[in-house]
Amino acid sequence: MGKKVAIGITGASGIIYSLRLIQILKGCGCTVYLVMSEAAIRTLKHEVDLQYAKDILSNVDAIFDNNDIGCSLASGSFSYDIFVVIPCSVNTIGIIHSGIANTLIGRCAIVAQKERRQIVLVPREMPMSTLTLKQLYELSLLGISVCVASPGFYAHPKKMEDLIDFVIYKVLNVIGIKSDLIPEWNTHDGYSFLPI
């Protein structure tokens, strides 16, 4: 049986990352719970094809209102394994760092920490201020994984989807889900030692 994953989507650019993650998780048999901020809905309407988004979001197991801090997802007795915030805005980083629970996303982060569940933040914004870097550093000391949405190029991406899949591949690795989105790095693949 697949893992139970709660996903928070915030208003940072990069909504496509969350949609692709949901698509892959559902394909792996995972249960997916979703909460979106109002800013995320606004960004979604601006960045992606709405029919594409609706098709993917129609497959999640439950969607919760970000203002409903009394719903089942907000409770420690509601069982799930992982909380992923993708993309994670700098505002949300600040909220999670401060332990503020005035939204469901903030509440889920607090509950996931107290219940010792895995938390993954996927910030995309750049550059980052010194304050945000400090907050991410301190959150990482608490055991929260930070996967900055920085695609690599050693897999020789041919299209934008390849860059998206690279980031999703890294997130899946962190949460312990195997995928073949990009080829595994192999240091014995016949490259010469010449510097050209």
N, C-alpha and C. Protein backbone atom coordinates (compact mmCIF):
# COMPACT_ATOMS: atom_id res chain seq x y z
N MET A 1 0.85 -1.20 0.00
CA MET A 1 0.00 0.00 0.00
C MET A 1 0.88 1.24 0.00
N GLY A 2 0.49 2.27 -0.76
CA GLY A 2 1.29 3.48 -0.88
C GLY A 2 1.25 4.34 0.37
N LYS A 3 2.14 5.30 0.41
CA LYS A 3 2.20 6.21 1.55
C LYS A 3 1.06 7.21 1.50
N LYS A 4 0.77 7.79 2.67
CA LYS A 4 -0.22 8.85 2.77
C LYS A 4 0.52 10.17 2.82
N VAL A 5 0.27 11.03 1.83
CA VAL A 5 1.02 12.28 1.69
C VAL A 5 0.06 13.46 1.70
N ALA A 6 0.31 14.39 2.62
CA ALA A 6 -0.42 15.66 2.64
C ALA A 6 0.42 16.68 1.89
N ILE A 7 -0.20 17.40 0.97
CA ILE A 7 0.51 18.38 0.16
C ILE A 7 -0.09 19.76 0.39
N GLY A 8 0.78 20.70 0.71
CA GLY A 8 0.39 22.10 0.81
C GLY A 8 0.93 22.83 -0.41
N ILE A 9 0.07 23.58 -1.07
CA ILE A 9 0.49 24.38 -2.22
C ILE A 9 0.32 25.84 -1.86
N THR A 10 1.41 26.60 -1.97
CA THR A 10 1.35 28.02 -1.64
C THR A 10 1.45 28.86 -2.92
N GLY A 11 1.48 30.16 -2.76
CA GLY A 11 1.40 31.05 -3.90
C GLY A 11 2.68 31.33 -4.65
N ALA A 12 3.77 30.67 -4.28
CA ALA A 12 5.02 30.86 -5.02
C ALA A 12 4.87 30.36 -6.45
N SER A 13 5.61 30.95 -7.36
CA SER A 13 5.63 30.44 -8.72
C SER A 13 6.16 29.01 -8.71
N GLY A 14 5.62 28.17 -9.60
CA GLY A 14 6.07 26.79 -9.66
C GLY A 14 4.96 25.80 -9.33
N ILE A 15 3.71 26.18 -9.55
CA ILE A 15 2.57 25.29 -9.29
C ILE A 15 2.71 23.98 -10.06
N ILE A 16 3.36 24.03 -11.22
CA ILE A 16 3.53 22.84 -12.04
C ILE A 16 4.24 21.73 -11.27
N TYR A 17 5.13 22.11 -10.33
CA TYR A 17 5.83 21.11 -9.53
C TYR A 17 4.84 20.31 -8.67
N SER A 18 3.90 21.01 -8.05
CA SER A 18 2.93 20.32 -7.19
C SER A 18 2.02 19.41 -8.01
N LEU A 19 1.60 19.88 -9.17
CA LEU A 19 0.73 19.07 -10.01
C LEU A 19 1.44 17.80 -10.47
N ARG A 20 2.69 17.94 -10.85
CA ARG A 20 3.45 16.76 -11.30
C ARG A 20 3.69 15.79 -10.14
N LEU A 21 3.96 16.32 -8.96
CA LEU A 21 4.15 15.45 -7.79
C LEU A 21 2.88 14.66 -7.50
N ILE A 22 1.74 15.34 -7.53
CA ILE A 22 0.46 14.66 -7.29
C ILE A 22 0.25 13.56 -8.33
N GLN A 23 0.52 13.86 -9.57
CA GLN A 23 0.36 12.89 -10.66
C GLN A 23 1.21 11.64 -10.41
N ILE A 24 2.46 11.83 -10.03
CA ILE A 24 3.36 10.70 -9.79
C ILE A 24 2.92 9.92 -8.54
N LEU A 25 2.59 10.62 -7.47
CA LEU A 25 2.18 9.95 -6.24
C LEU A 25 0.94 9.09 -6.46
N LYS A 26 -0.04 9.63 -7.17
CA LYS A 26 -1.25 8.84 -7.43
C LYS A 26 -0.93 7.64 -8.32
N GLY A 27 0.01 7.81 -9.24
CA GLY A 27 0.42 6.70 -10.09
C GLY A 27 1.13 5.61 -9.31
N CYS A 28 1.71 5.98 -8.16
CA CYS A 28 2.40 5.01 -7.30
C CYS A 28 1.47 4.40 -6.26
N GLY A 29 0.20 4.75 -6.29
CA GLY A 29 -0.75 4.19 -5.34
C GLY A 29 -0.79 4.89 -4.00
N CYS A 30 -0.26 6.10 -3.93
CA CYS A 30 -0.28 6.86 -2.67
C CYS A 30 -1.63 7.53 -2.45
N THR A 31 -1.96 7.73 -1.19
CA THR A 31 -3.11 8.55 -0.82
C THR A 31 -2.62 9.98 -0.74
N VAL A 32 -3.35 10.91 -1.37
CA VAL A 32 -2.91 12.30 -1.41
C VAL A 32 -4.01 13.21 -0.85
N TYR A 33 -3.65 13.97 0.18
CA TYR A 33 -4.52 15.00 0.74
C TYR A 33 -3.95 16.35 0.33
N LEU A 34 -4.81 17.28 0.00
CA LEU A 34 -4.35 18.55 -0.56
C LEU A 34 -4.96 19.75 0.15
N VAL A 35 -4.13 20.76 0.38
CA VAL A 35 -4.61 22.06 0.84
C VAL A 35 -3.88 23.14 0.05
N MET A 36 -4.64 24.10 -0.47
CA MET A 36 -4.08 25.18 -1.28
C MET A 36 -4.41 26.52 -0.64
N SER A 37 -3.42 27.40 -0.63
CA SER A 37 -3.68 28.76 -0.15
C SER A 37 -4.43 29.53 -1.23
N GLU A 38 -5.02 30.66 -0.85
CA GLU A 38 -5.70 31.50 -1.84
C GLU A 38 -4.72 32.01 -2.87
N ALA A 39 -3.50 32.33 -2.43
CA ALA A 39 -2.47 32.78 -3.36
C ALA A 39 -2.09 31.68 -4.35
N ALA A 40 -2.13 30.42 -3.89
CA ALA A 40 -1.83 29.29 -4.78
C ALA A 40 -2.86 29.18 -5.88
N ILE A 41 -4.13 29.38 -5.54
CA ILE A 41 -5.20 29.30 -6.54
C ILE A 41 -5.01 30.40 -7.57
N ARG A 42 -4.63 31.57 -7.10
CA ARG A 42 -4.38 32.69 -8.02
C ARG A 42 -3.20 32.39 -8.94
N THR A 43 -2.13 31.84 -8.39
CA THR A 43 -0.96 31.51 -9.19
C THR A 43 -1.28 30.39 -10.18
N LEU A 44 -2.04 29.40 -9.73
CA LEU A 44 -2.43 28.30 -10.62
C LEU A 44 -3.15 28.84 -11.85
N LYS A 45 -4.09 29.74 -11.64
CA LYS A 45 -4.85 30.30 -12.76
C LYS A 45 -3.96 31.05 -13.73
N HIS A 46 -2.86 31.60 -13.23
CA HIS A 46 -1.95 32.38 -14.07
C HIS A 46 -0.92 31.51 -14.80
N GLU A 47 -0.51 30.41 -14.16
CA GLU A 47 0.66 29.68 -14.67
C GLU A 47 0.35 28.43 -15.49
N VAL A 48 -0.77 27.76 -15.24
CA VAL A 48 -0.99 26.48 -15.91
C VAL A 48 -2.36 26.43 -16.58
N ASP A 49 -2.49 25.51 -17.51
CA ASP A 49 -3.76 25.27 -18.17
C ASP A 49 -4.75 24.73 -17.14
N LEU A 50 -5.90 25.37 -17.04
CA LEU A 50 -6.86 25.01 -15.99
C LEU A 50 -7.43 23.61 -16.15
N GLN A 51 -7.65 23.17 -17.38
CA GLN A 51 -8.18 21.82 -17.58
C GLN A 51 -7.15 20.77 -17.15
N TYR A 52 -5.89 21.03 -17.45
CA TYR A 52 -4.81 20.13 -17.01
C TYR A 52 -4.78 20.05 -15.49
N ALA A 53 -4.89 21.20 -14.84
CA ALA A 53 -4.89 21.24 -13.37
C ALA A 53 -6.09 20.50 -12.80
N LYS A 54 -7.27 20.73 -13.37
CA LYS A 54 -8.49 20.07 -12.88
C LYS A 54 -8.39 18.56 -13.03
N ASP A 55 -7.83 18.11 -14.16
CA ASP A 55 -7.70 16.66 -14.38
C ASP A 55 -6.84 16.01 -13.31
N ILE A 56 -5.75 16.67 -12.94
CA ILE A 56 -4.86 16.11 -11.93
C ILE A 56 -5.47 16.23 -10.53
N LEU A 57 -6.01 17.40 -10.21
CA LEU A 57 -6.57 17.62 -8.88
C LEU A 57 -7.80 16.77 -8.61
N SER A 58 -8.48 16.34 -9.67
CA SER A 58 -9.67 15.49 -9.48
C SER A 58 -9.30 14.10 -8.95
N ASN A 59 -8.02 13.76 -8.99
CA ASN A 59 -7.57 12.44 -8.53
C ASN A 59 -7.12 12.41 -7.07
N VAL A 60 -7.01 13.58 -6.42
CA VAL A 60 -6.58 13.56 -5.02
C VAL A 60 -7.70 12.97 -4.16
N ASP A 61 -7.32 12.45 -3.01
CA ASP A 61 -8.30 11.77 -2.16
C ASP A 61 -9.16 12.73 -1.35
N ALA A 62 -8.62 13.91 -1.03
CA ALA A 62 -9.42 14.93 -0.33
C ALA A 62 -8.74 16.28 -0.50
N ILE A 63 -9.55 17.31 -0.65
CA ILE A 63 -9.04 18.68 -0.72
C ILE A 63 -9.63 19.44 0.45
N PHE A 64 -8.76 20.12 1.21
CA PHE A 64 -9.17 20.84 2.40
C PHE A 64 -9.01 22.35 2.20
N ASP A 65 -9.89 23.09 2.85
CA ASP A 65 -9.86 24.56 2.80
C ASP A 65 -8.74 25.07 3.71
N ASN A 66 -7.88 25.92 3.19
CA ASN A 66 -6.75 26.45 3.97
C ASN A 66 -7.20 27.25 5.18
N ASN A 67 -8.43 27.72 5.18
CA ASN A 67 -8.94 28.48 6.33
C ASN A 67 -9.59 27.59 7.39
N ASP A 68 -9.74 26.31 7.09
CA ASP A 68 -10.43 25.40 8.01
C ASP A 68 -9.43 24.70 8.93
N ILE A 69 -9.02 25.41 9.99
CA ILE A 69 -8.01 24.85 10.89
C ILE A 69 -8.63 23.85 11.88
N GLY A 70 -9.92 23.58 11.74
CA GLY A 70 -10.57 22.58 12.58
C GLY A 70 -10.89 21.29 11.84
N CYS A 71 -10.44 21.17 10.59
CA CYS A 71 -10.75 19.97 9.80
C CYS A 71 -9.89 18.79 10.26
N SER A 72 -10.18 17.62 9.73
CA SER A 72 -9.47 16.41 10.16
C SER A 72 -7.97 16.49 9.89
N LEU A 73 -7.56 17.10 8.78
CA LEU A 73 -6.14 17.19 8.43
C LEU A 73 -5.35 17.98 9.47
N ALA A 74 -6.04 18.84 10.22
CA ALA A 74 -5.37 19.68 11.23
C ALA A 74 -5.12 18.94 12.53
N SER A 75 -5.63 17.73 12.64
CA SER A 75 -5.53 17.00 13.91
C SER A 75 -4.39 15.99 13.88
N GLY A 76 -3.71 15.87 15.01
CA GLY A 76 -2.65 14.88 15.14
C GLY A 76 -3.18 13.46 15.08
N SER A 77 -4.46 13.26 15.32
CA SER A 77 -5.04 11.92 15.27
C SER A 77 -5.40 11.49 13.85
N PHE A 78 -5.30 12.43 12.91
CA PHE A 78 -5.54 12.10 11.50
C PHE A 78 -4.23 11.59 10.93
N SER A 79 -4.22 10.37 10.45
CA SER A 79 -2.97 9.70 10.10
C SER A 79 -2.53 9.97 8.65
N TYR A 80 -1.31 10.46 8.52
CA TYR A 80 -0.62 10.51 7.23
C TYR A 80 0.87 10.47 7.53
N ASP A 81 1.67 10.19 6.50
CA ASP A 81 3.09 9.95 6.70
C ASP A 81 3.98 11.16 6.46
N ILE A 82 3.64 11.96 5.48
CA ILE A 82 4.55 13.00 4.99
C ILE A 82 3.76 14.27 4.70
N PHE A 83 4.36 15.41 5.01
CA PHE A 83 3.78 16.70 4.64
C PHE A 83 4.78 17.41 3.73
N VAL A 84 4.35 17.67 2.49
CA VAL A 84 5.20 18.34 1.51
C VAL A 84 4.57 19.68 1.15
N VAL A 85 5.33 20.76 1.25
CA VAL A 85 4.86 22.07 0.81
C VAL A 85 5.61 22.39 -0.48
N ILE A 86 4.87 22.38 -1.60
CA ILE A 86 5.47 22.51 -2.92
C ILE A 86 4.55 23.26 -3.86
N PRO A 87 4.93 24.39 -4.40
CA PRO A 87 6.09 25.17 -4.00
C PRO A 87 5.84 25.85 -2.65
N CYS A 88 6.92 26.14 -1.96
CA CYS A 88 6.83 26.76 -0.64
C CYS A 88 7.29 28.20 -0.73
N SER A 89 6.38 29.13 -0.53
CA SER A 89 6.72 30.56 -0.61
C SER A 89 7.57 30.98 0.59
N VAL A 90 8.27 32.10 0.44
CA VAL A 90 9.07 32.59 1.56
C VAL A 90 8.17 33.01 2.71
N ASN A 91 6.96 33.45 2.41
CA ASN A 91 6.01 33.78 3.46
C ASN A 91 5.67 32.54 4.28
N THR A 92 5.44 31.41 3.60
CA THR A 92 5.12 30.16 4.29
C THR A 92 6.32 29.65 5.09
N ILE A 93 7.51 29.83 4.56
CA ILE A 93 8.72 29.46 5.31
C ILE A 93 8.73 30.23 6.64
N GLY A 94 8.44 31.52 6.57
CA GLY A 94 8.40 32.35 7.79
C GLY A 94 7.32 31.89 8.76
N ILE A 95 6.15 31.53 8.23
CA ILE A 95 5.05 31.06 9.07
C ILE A 95 5.43 29.76 9.77
N ILE A 96 5.99 28.82 9.02
CA ILE A 96 6.39 27.53 9.60
C ILE A 96 7.51 27.73 10.61
N HIS A 97 8.45 28.58 10.28
CA HIS A 97 9.58 28.85 11.19
C HIS A 97 9.08 29.44 12.51
N SER A 98 8.04 30.28 12.42
CA SER A 98 7.52 30.95 13.61
C SER A 98 6.51 30.11 14.38
N GLY A 99 6.08 28.99 13.80
CA GLY A 99 5.09 28.14 14.47
C GLY A 99 3.71 28.75 14.49
N ILE A 100 3.36 29.50 13.46
CA ILE A 100 2.05 30.15 13.39
C ILE A 100 1.05 29.19 12.75
N ALA A 101 -0.11 29.04 13.37
CA ALA A 101 -1.11 28.07 12.89
C ALA A 101 -2.41 28.75 12.52
N ASN A 102 -2.34 29.93 11.90
CA ASN A 102 -3.58 30.63 11.55
C ASN A 102 -4.14 30.21 10.19
N THR A 103 -3.44 29.29 9.50
CA THR A 103 -3.95 28.67 8.28
C THR A 103 -3.76 27.16 8.42
N LEU A 104 -4.43 26.41 7.56
CA LEU A 104 -4.30 24.96 7.64
C LEU A 104 -2.88 24.51 7.28
N ILE A 105 -2.24 25.18 6.33
CA ILE A 105 -0.87 24.81 5.97
C ILE A 105 0.05 25.01 7.17
N GLY A 106 -0.08 26.14 7.85
CA GLY A 106 0.73 26.37 9.05
C GLY A 106 0.41 25.37 10.15
N ARG A 107 -0.87 25.08 10.32
CA ARG A 107 -1.29 24.11 11.34
C ARG A 107 -0.73 22.71 11.03
N CYS A 108 -0.79 22.32 9.76
CA CYS A 108 -0.27 20.99 9.37
C CYS A 108 1.22 20.88 9.67
N ALA A 109 1.96 21.96 9.44
CA ALA A 109 3.40 21.94 9.72
C ALA A 109 3.65 21.75 11.22
N ILE A 110 2.88 22.43 12.04
CA ILE A 110 3.03 22.29 13.50
C ILE A 110 2.67 20.87 13.94
N VAL A 111 1.55 20.35 13.43
CA VAL A 111 1.11 19.01 13.80
C VAL A 111 2.11 17.97 13.32
N ALA A 112 2.58 18.10 12.08
CA ALA A 112 3.55 17.14 11.55
C ALA A 112 4.82 17.13 12.38
N GLN A 113 5.24 18.31 12.86
CA GLN A 113 6.44 18.36 13.72
C GLN A 113 6.20 17.66 15.05
N LYS A 114 5.07 17.94 15.69
CA LYS A 114 4.83 17.34 17.01
C LYS A 114 4.59 15.84 16.92
N GLU A 115 4.06 15.38 15.78
CA GLU A 115 3.82 13.96 15.58
C GLU A 115 5.03 13.25 14.98
N ARG A 116 6.12 14.01 14.78
CA ARG A 116 7.37 13.47 14.23
C ARG A 116 7.17 12.85 12.84
N ARG A 117 6.37 13.53 12.03
CA ARG A 117 6.18 13.10 10.65
C ARG A 117 7.19 13.81 9.76
N GLN A 118 7.47 13.23 8.63
CA GLN A 118 8.43 13.83 7.71
C GLN A 118 7.83 15.07 7.07
N ILE A 119 8.63 16.13 7.01
CA ILE A 119 8.22 17.38 6.37
C ILE A 119 9.25 17.74 5.31
N VAL A 120 8.75 18.11 4.13
CA VAL A 120 9.62 18.53 3.04
C VAL A 120 9.12 19.88 2.52
N LEU A 121 10.02 20.85 2.47
CA LEU A 121 9.70 22.16 1.90
C LEU A 121 10.43 22.31 0.58
N VAL A 122 9.71 22.79 -0.44
CA VAL A 122 10.30 22.96 -1.77
C VAL A 122 10.18 24.43 -2.17
N PRO A 123 11.13 25.26 -1.69
CA PRO A 123 11.11 26.66 -2.11
C PRO A 123 11.62 26.80 -3.54
N ARG A 124 11.06 27.75 -4.27
CA ARG A 124 11.49 27.98 -5.65
C ARG A 124 12.03 29.40 -5.85
N GLU A 125 11.64 30.30 -4.98
CA GLU A 125 11.98 31.70 -5.18
C GLU A 125 13.48 31.94 -5.06
N MET A 126 13.97 32.92 -5.84
CA MET A 126 15.37 33.30 -5.79
C MET A 126 15.50 34.74 -6.26
N PRO A 127 16.50 35.47 -5.77
CA PRO A 127 17.40 35.07 -4.69
C PRO A 127 16.65 35.02 -3.36
N MET A 128 17.28 34.41 -2.37
CA MET A 128 16.70 34.35 -1.03
C MET A 128 17.40 35.35 -0.12
N SER A 129 16.62 35.96 0.73
CA SER A 129 17.20 36.91 1.68
C SER A 129 17.98 36.15 2.75
N THR A 130 18.81 36.87 3.45
CA THR A 130 19.55 36.28 4.57
C THR A 130 18.60 35.72 5.60
N LEU A 131 17.49 36.42 5.85
CA LEU A 131 16.50 35.95 6.83
C LEU A 131 15.91 34.61 6.42
N THR A 132 15.51 34.49 5.14
CA THR A 132 14.93 33.22 4.67
C THR A 132 15.95 32.10 4.75
N LEU A 133 17.19 32.37 4.37
CA LEU A 133 18.25 31.35 4.45
C LEU A 133 18.45 30.91 5.90
N LYS A 134 18.40 31.88 6.82
CA LYS A 134 18.55 31.55 8.25
C LYS A 134 17.37 30.69 8.72
N GLN A 135 16.16 31.05 8.29
CA GLN A 135 14.99 30.27 8.68
C GLN A 135 15.06 28.84 8.14
N LEU A 136 15.47 28.69 6.89
CA LEU A 136 15.59 27.36 6.30
C LEU A 136 16.66 26.54 7.02
N TYR A 137 17.75 27.18 7.37
CA TYR A 137 18.82 26.51 8.12
C TYR A 137 18.27 26.01 9.46
N GLU A 138 17.57 26.87 10.17
CA GLU A 138 17.04 26.48 11.48
C GLU A 138 15.96 25.41 11.35
N LEU A 139 15.15 25.47 10.30
CA LEU A 139 14.15 24.42 10.08
C LEU A 139 14.82 23.09 9.76
N SER A 140 15.93 23.14 9.01
CA SER A 140 16.65 21.90 8.69
C SER A 140 17.23 21.28 9.95
N LEU A 141 17.63 22.11 10.92
CA LEU A 141 18.13 21.58 12.19
C LEU A 141 17.05 20.83 12.96
N LEU A 142 15.79 21.16 12.68
CA LEU A 142 14.66 20.48 13.32
C LEU A 142 14.29 19.18 12.60
N GLY A 143 15.01 18.87 11.52
CA GLY A 143 14.73 17.65 10.78
C GLY A 143 13.86 17.84 9.56
N ILE A 144 13.52 19.08 9.24
CA ILE A 144 12.72 19.35 8.05
C ILE A 144 13.64 19.35 6.83
N SER A 145 13.24 18.62 5.80
CA SER A 145 14.04 18.55 4.57
C SER A 145 13.72 19.75 3.68
N VAL A 146 14.76 20.35 3.14
CA VAL A 146 14.61 21.48 2.23
C VAL A 146 15.12 21.05 0.86
N CYS A 147 14.22 21.00 -0.10
CA CYS A 147 14.57 20.62 -1.48
C CYS A 147 14.33 21.83 -2.36
N VAL A 148 15.35 22.65 -2.53
CA VAL A 148 15.20 23.83 -3.38
C VAL A 148 14.95 23.38 -4.82
N ALA A 149 13.99 23.98 -5.47
CA ALA A 149 13.63 23.59 -6.84
C ALA A 149 14.71 24.05 -7.82
N SER A 150 15.82 23.32 -7.83
CA SER A 150 16.97 23.64 -8.68
C SER A 150 17.27 22.45 -9.57
N PRO A 151 16.73 22.43 -10.78
CA PRO A 151 16.96 21.27 -11.64
C PRO A 151 18.42 21.14 -12.06
N GLY A 152 18.87 19.89 -12.17
CA GLY A 152 20.22 19.62 -12.65
C GLY A 152 20.20 19.39 -14.15
N PHE A 153 21.37 19.38 -14.74
CA PHE A 153 21.46 19.25 -16.19
C PHE A 153 22.26 18.05 -16.65
N TYR A 154 22.75 17.22 -15.70
CA TYR A 154 23.56 16.08 -16.10
C TYR A 154 22.74 14.98 -16.77
N ALA A 155 21.42 15.04 -16.66
CA ALA A 155 20.56 14.06 -17.34
C ALA A 155 20.20 14.52 -18.75
N HIS A 156 20.80 15.63 -19.18
CA HIS A 156 20.60 16.17 -20.54
C HIS A 156 19.12 16.42 -20.86
N PRO A 157 18.48 17.34 -20.11
CA PRO A 157 17.06 17.61 -20.36
C PRO A 157 16.84 18.15 -21.78
N LYS A 158 15.76 17.68 -22.38
CA LYS A 158 15.42 18.10 -23.75
C LYS A 158 14.25 19.08 -23.78
N LYS A 159 13.45 19.07 -22.73
CA LYS A 159 12.27 19.93 -22.69
C LYS A 159 11.97 20.35 -21.25
N MET A 160 11.06 21.29 -21.09
CA MET A 160 10.76 21.81 -19.76
C MET A 160 10.30 20.71 -18.81
N GLU A 161 9.55 19.73 -19.32
CA GLU A 161 9.06 18.64 -18.48
C GLU A 161 10.20 17.86 -17.85
N ASP A 162 11.33 17.76 -18.55
CA ASP A 162 12.49 17.06 -18.00
C ASP A 162 13.04 17.80 -16.78
N LEU A 163 13.04 19.14 -16.84
CA LEU A 163 13.51 19.95 -15.72
C LEU A 163 12.57 19.82 -14.52
N ILE A 164 11.28 19.79 -14.79
CA ILE A 164 10.29 19.59 -13.73
C ILE A 164 10.49 18.22 -13.09
N ASP A 165 10.64 17.20 -13.93
CA ASP A 165 10.78 15.84 -13.41
C ASP A 165 12.05 15.67 -12.59
N PHE A 166 13.10 16.42 -12.91
CA PHE A 166 14.32 16.33 -12.11
C PHE A 166 14.04 16.74 -10.66
N VAL A 167 13.33 17.84 -10.48
CA VAL A 167 13.01 18.32 -9.13
C VAL A 167 12.10 17.31 -8.42
N ILE A 168 11.10 16.80 -9.13
CA ILE A 168 10.19 15.83 -8.53
C ILE A 168 10.93 14.54 -8.17
N TYR A 169 11.86 14.12 -9.00
CA TYR A 169 12.68 12.94 -8.71
C TYR A 169 13.43 13.12 -7.39
N LYS A 170 13.98 14.31 -7.17
CA LYS A 170 14.71 14.57 -5.94
C LYS A 170 13.77 14.55 -4.73
N VAL A 171 12.59 15.13 -4.87
CA VAL A 171 11.61 15.12 -3.77
C VAL A 171 11.20 13.68 -3.46
N LEU A 172 10.93 12.89 -4.49
CA LEU A 172 10.55 11.49 -4.29
C LEU A 172 11.65 10.72 -3.57
N ASN A 173 12.90 10.98 -3.92
CA ASN A 173 14.02 10.32 -3.24
C ASN A 173 14.01 10.63 -1.75
N VAL A 174 13.75 11.89 -1.41
CA VAL A 174 13.75 12.31 -0.01
C VAL A 174 12.64 11.62 0.78
N ILE A 175 11.48 11.44 0.15
CA ILE A 175 10.36 10.83 0.87
C ILE A 175 10.32 9.31 0.71
N GLY A 176 11.34 8.74 0.05
CA GLY A 176 11.48 7.30 -0.01
C GLY A 176 10.60 6.59 -1.01
N ILE A 177 10.33 7.26 -2.14
CA ILE A 177 9.55 6.64 -3.21
C ILE A 177 10.43 6.52 -4.45
N LYS A 178 10.61 5.30 -4.92
CA LYS A 178 11.45 5.04 -6.08
C LYS A 178 10.75 5.50 -7.36
N SER A 179 11.53 6.06 -8.26
CA SER A 179 10.98 6.44 -9.57
C SER A 179 12.10 6.35 -10.60
N ASP A 180 11.70 6.36 -11.84
CA ASP A 180 12.68 6.36 -12.92
C ASP A 180 12.52 7.61 -13.78
N LEU A 181 12.18 8.72 -13.13
CA LEU A 181 11.96 9.97 -13.87
C LEU A 181 13.21 10.45 -14.57
N ILE A 182 14.37 10.24 -13.95
CA ILE A 182 15.64 10.57 -14.61
C ILE A 182 16.57 9.38 -14.46
N PRO A 183 17.51 9.23 -15.39
CA PRO A 183 18.45 8.10 -15.26
C PRO A 183 19.35 8.27 -14.05
N GLU A 184 19.63 7.15 -13.41
CA GLU A 184 20.52 7.18 -12.26
C GLU A 184 21.94 7.53 -12.70
N TRP A 185 22.61 8.34 -11.90
CA TRP A 185 23.98 8.75 -12.22
C TRP A 185 24.91 7.55 -12.16
N ASN A 186 25.75 7.41 -13.17
CA ASN A 186 26.67 6.28 -13.26
C ASN A 186 28.06 6.82 -13.56
N THR A 187 28.99 6.61 -12.65
CA THR A 187 30.35 7.14 -12.85
C THR A 187 31.21 6.20 -13.68
N HIS A 188 30.65 5.05 -14.10
CA HIS A 188 31.42 4.08 -14.89
C HIS A 188 30.81 3.94 -16.28
N ASP A 189 30.50 5.07 -16.88
CA ASP A 189 29.80 5.03 -18.16
C ASP A 189 30.70 5.35 -19.35
N GLY A 190 32.00 5.24 -19.18
CA GLY A 190 32.89 5.36 -20.32
C GLY A 190 33.43 6.75 -20.58
N TYR A 191 33.14 7.73 -19.72
CA TYR A 191 33.70 9.05 -19.92
C TYR A 191 35.21 8.99 -19.76
N SER A 192 35.91 9.72 -20.60
CA SER A 192 37.37 9.77 -20.46
C SER A 192 37.73 10.75 -19.36
N PHE A 193 38.97 10.71 -18.95
CA PHE A 193 39.44 11.63 -17.94
C PHE A 193 40.02 12.90 -18.54
N LEU A 194 39.88 13.05 -19.86
CA LEU A 194 40.35 14.28 -20.50
C LEU A 194 39.48 15.45 -20.06
N PRO A 195 40.08 16.63 -19.92
CA PRO A 195 39.30 17.77 -19.42
C PRO A 195 38.41 18.39 -20.50
N ILE A 196 38.24 17.74 -21.63
CA ILE A 196 37.37 18.28 -22.70
C ILE A 196 36.43 17.20 -23.21
